[in-house]
Amino acid sequence: MKNVLIFLILVFGAESVSSHTLELSEITITPSAPTTQDAVNVQVGFFGGPFVKTHSHSVVGNLVKVNMVQDGLDLAPNPPHIFVEEVDSLPEGSYEFTIEVKAFYHNETHVFTESFDVSVSPSLYSIPSGSVVSILALIAFIGLIASRTQITRRSSTFRQQAGSTGPGSARPLN
């Protein structure tokens, strides 16, 4: 019984000590070089602690502010986990992303803030690969190549049968 009590004290004591700090494994913005058509995601990796329940983002001018609060399910000790906030696509330009993560442990608020600069480049407009126009254009192109190849093959065969050595060459009649 004494050993079990010591074990429980160590486990809950370690959990209490580790939960007084807000530790993030990594903050990543994907894609790293977004275009105006890409959805931009902010990924935050947590070493543990409660899961993120409350989250939001706002875009004001060239400032993107992402807020996350670790106020979700807590089955302490929680395993490492990742939370993703989807910001959607942004117009061309340079943006400052400010990510703020809050956690509440034992009536204390812990805040972690980090900023990143991200440039969004224009994307080239292309016809979607599955559109009717692109499929018809592809069929026409394949048909043109096939008919051109067939005509060339037939004229080459005709020249060989006639004994011609090339365009404009004539063979004397006997």
Protein backbone atom coordinates (compact mmCIF):
# COMPACT_ATOMS: atom_id res chain seq x y z
CA MET A 1 0.00 0.00 0.00
CA LYS A 2 2.86 2.34 0.83
CA ASN A 3 4.43 1.73 -2.61
CA VAL A 4 1.15 2.47 -4.37
CA LEU A 5 0.76 5.71 -2.42
CA ILE A 6 4.32 6.79 -3.27
CA PHE A 7 3.70 5.95 -6.95
CA LEU A 8 0.49 8.03 -7.03
CA ILE A 9 2.22 10.98 -5.37
CA LEU A 10 5.03 10.83 -7.93
CA VAL A 11 2.63 10.58 -10.87
CA PHE A 12 0.35 13.42 -9.75
CA GLY A 13 3.31 15.48 -8.58
CA ALA A 14 5.01 15.14 -11.97
CA GLU A 15 1.74 16.02 -13.72
CA SER A 16 1.34 19.08 -11.51
CA VAL A 17 4.89 20.29 -12.19
CA SER A 18 4.70 19.71 -15.96
CA SER A 19 1.33 21.41 -16.29
CA HIS A 20 2.66 24.74 -15.03
CA THR A 21 4.39 25.45 -18.33
CA LEU A 22 3.02 25.87 -21.81
CA GLU A 23 5.36 24.01 -24.15
CA LEU A 24 4.80 23.84 -27.87
CA SER A 25 6.77 21.44 -30.04
CA GLU A 26 6.48 23.43 -33.27
CA ILE A 27 4.40 26.02 -35.08
CA THR A 28 4.24 25.56 -38.85
CA ILE A 29 2.47 27.52 -41.58
CA THR A 30 1.62 25.41 -44.64
CA PRO A 31 2.21 25.67 -47.48
CA SER A 32 5.51 27.42 -46.84
CA ALA A 33 5.19 29.48 -50.06
CA PRO A 34 1.42 29.87 -50.58
CA THR A 35 -0.24 31.22 -53.69
CA THR A 36 -3.55 33.06 -53.89
CA GLN A 37 -5.34 29.74 -54.55
CA ASP A 38 -3.87 27.85 -51.55
CA ALA A 39 -5.65 27.46 -48.24
CA VAL A 40 -3.17 28.54 -45.55
CA ASN A 41 -3.05 26.39 -42.41
CA VAL A 42 -1.43 27.12 -39.05
CA GLN A 43 -0.34 23.91 -37.29
CA VAL A 44 0.59 23.97 -33.63
CA GLY A 45 2.15 20.92 -32.03
CA PHE A 46 1.66 20.45 -28.29
CA PHE A 47 3.83 18.27 -26.08
CA GLY A 48 0.74 17.53 -23.98
CA GLY A 49 -1.84 19.31 -21.89
CA PRO A 50 -5.51 19.79 -22.72
CA PHE A 51 -6.69 19.71 -26.31
CA VAL A 52 -7.66 22.95 -28.10
CA LYS A 53 -11.37 23.67 -27.96
CA THR A 54 -11.67 27.44 -28.43
CA HIS A 55 -9.96 28.80 -31.54
CA SER A 56 -10.38 31.66 -34.01
CA HIS A 57 -8.56 33.69 -36.61
CA SER A 58 -8.97 37.13 -38.12
CA VAL A 59 -7.47 38.86 -41.13
CA VAL A 60 -7.23 42.65 -40.89
CA GLY A 61 -5.20 44.20 -43.69
CA ASN A 62 -1.89 42.34 -43.74
CA LEU A 63 -2.17 41.06 -40.15
CA VAL A 64 -3.44 37.53 -39.55
CA LYS A 65 -4.14 36.80 -35.89
CA VAL A 66 -4.71 33.20 -34.79
CA ASN A 67 -5.95 32.45 -31.26
CA MET A 68 -6.02 29.02 -29.64
CA VAL A 69 -6.99 28.07 -26.11
CA GLN A 70 -6.13 24.74 -24.50
CA ASP A 71 -9.51 24.43 -22.81
CA GLY A 72 -10.72 21.17 -24.29
CA LEU A 73 -10.65 17.57 -23.17
CA ASP A 74 -7.98 16.86 -20.57
CA LEU A 75 -7.26 13.25 -19.69
CA ALA A 76 -3.95 14.20 -18.07
CA PRO A 77 -1.36 13.25 -18.96
CA ASN A 78 -2.38 13.80 -22.59
CA PRO A 79 -0.12 12.60 -25.40
CA PRO A 80 1.52 15.03 -27.83
CA HIS A 81 -1.02 16.33 -30.34
CA ILE A 82 -1.36 18.79 -33.23
CA PHE A 83 -4.07 21.38 -33.79
CA VAL A 84 -4.66 22.94 -37.23
CA GLU A 85 -6.41 26.27 -37.84
CA GLU A 86 -7.40 26.77 -41.50
CA VAL A 87 -7.15 30.43 -42.51
CA ASP A 88 -8.31 29.94 -46.15
CA SER A 89 -6.73 31.62 -49.16
CA LEU A 90 -5.33 35.14 -48.98
CA PRO A 91 -4.84 37.85 -51.61
CA GLU A 92 -1.36 38.49 -52.98
CA GLY A 93 0.94 40.29 -50.54
CA SER A 94 3.08 40.02 -47.41
CA TYR A 95 1.38 39.05 -44.16
CA GLU A 96 2.39 38.95 -40.53
CA PHE A 97 0.93 35.93 -38.76
CA THR A 98 0.63 36.29 -34.98
CA ILE A 99 -0.20 33.05 -33.20
CA GLU A 100 -1.33 33.21 -29.59
CA VAL A 101 -1.88 30.10 -27.49
CA LYS A 102 -3.42 30.27 -24.02
CA ALA A 103 -3.64 27.58 -21.39
CA PHE A 104 -5.18 27.62 -17.93
CA TYR A 105 -3.44 25.53 -15.27
CA HIS A 106 -4.37 25.66 -11.59
CA ASN A 107 -6.06 29.10 -11.86
CA GLU A 108 -3.10 30.54 -13.77
CA THR A 109 -3.16 31.75 -17.36
CA HIS A 110 -0.16 30.92 -19.52
CA VAL A 111 0.25 32.66 -22.87
CA PHE A 112 2.63 31.88 -25.72
CA THR A 113 2.87 34.26 -28.70
CA GLU A 114 4.93 33.94 -31.87
CA SER A 115 4.99 35.89 -35.15
CA PHE A 116 5.85 34.83 -38.70
CA ASP A 117 6.14 36.70 -41.98
CA VAL A 118 4.49 34.97 -44.94
CA SER A 119 4.41 36.10 -48.59
CA VAL A 120 1.50 35.06 -50.77
CA SER A 121 2.34 35.02 -54.47
CA PRO A 122 -0.10 35.17 -57.39
CA SER A 123 -1.08 31.91 -58.97
CA LEU A 124 -1.20 31.36 -62.70
CA TYR A 125 -4.69 30.81 -63.98
CA SER A 126 -5.03 27.49 -65.70
CA ILE A 127 -7.95 25.60 -67.13
CA PRO A 128 -9.00 22.95 -64.63
CA SER A 129 -7.84 19.57 -65.87
CA GLY A 130 -11.31 18.02 -65.66
CA SER A 131 -13.24 20.77 -67.43
CA VAL A 132 -15.19 20.13 -70.60
CA VAL A 133 -13.09 22.67 -72.53
CA SER A 134 -9.81 20.99 -71.58
CA ILE A 135 -11.13 17.51 -72.40
CA LEU A 136 -12.37 18.66 -75.84
CA ALA A 137 -9.07 20.44 -76.52
CA LEU A 138 -7.17 17.28 -75.59
CA ILE A 139 -9.35 15.13 -77.89
CA ALA A 140 -8.87 17.58 -80.78
CA PHE A 141 -5.11 17.65 -80.23
CA ILE A 142 -4.86 13.84 -80.15
CA GLY A 143 -7.04 13.62 -83.28
CA LEU A 144 -4.86 16.14 -85.11
CA ILE A 145 -1.66 14.27 -84.21
CA ALA A 146 -3.20 10.90 -85.17
CA SER A 147 -4.48 12.12 -88.54
CA ARG A 148 -1.18 13.87 -89.30
CA THR A 149 0.75 10.69 -88.49
CA GLN A 150 -1.59 8.60 -90.68
CA ILE A 151 -1.21 10.98 -93.66
CA THR A 152 2.58 10.95 -93.35
CA ARG A 153 2.64 7.17 -93.10
CA ARG A 154 0.41 6.76 -96.20
CA SER A 155 2.45 9.15 -98.37
CA SER A 156 5.66 7.42 -97.30
CA THR A 157 4.18 4.02 -98.24
CA PHE A 158 2.96 5.36 -101.61
CA ARG A 159 6.42 6.77 -102.42
CA GLN A 160 8.07 3.45 -101.60
CA GLN A 161 5.64 1.53 -103.81
CA ALA A 162 6.15 3.96 -106.67
CA GLY A 163 9.92 3.71 -106.29
CA SER A 164 10.24 7.36 -105.56
CA THR A 165 13.22 8.44 -103.49
CA GLY A 166 11.71 11.66 -102.24
CA PRO A 167 9.39 14.50 -103.08
CA GLY A 168 9.49 15.55 -106.72
CA SER A 169 11.66 12.65 -107.90
CA ALA A 170 10.60 10.86 -111.03
CA ARG A 171 11.44 7.42 -112.39
CA PRO A 172 11.97 6.95 -116.12
CA LEU A 173 9.36 4.91 -117.94
CA ASN A 174 10.51 1.78 -119.81
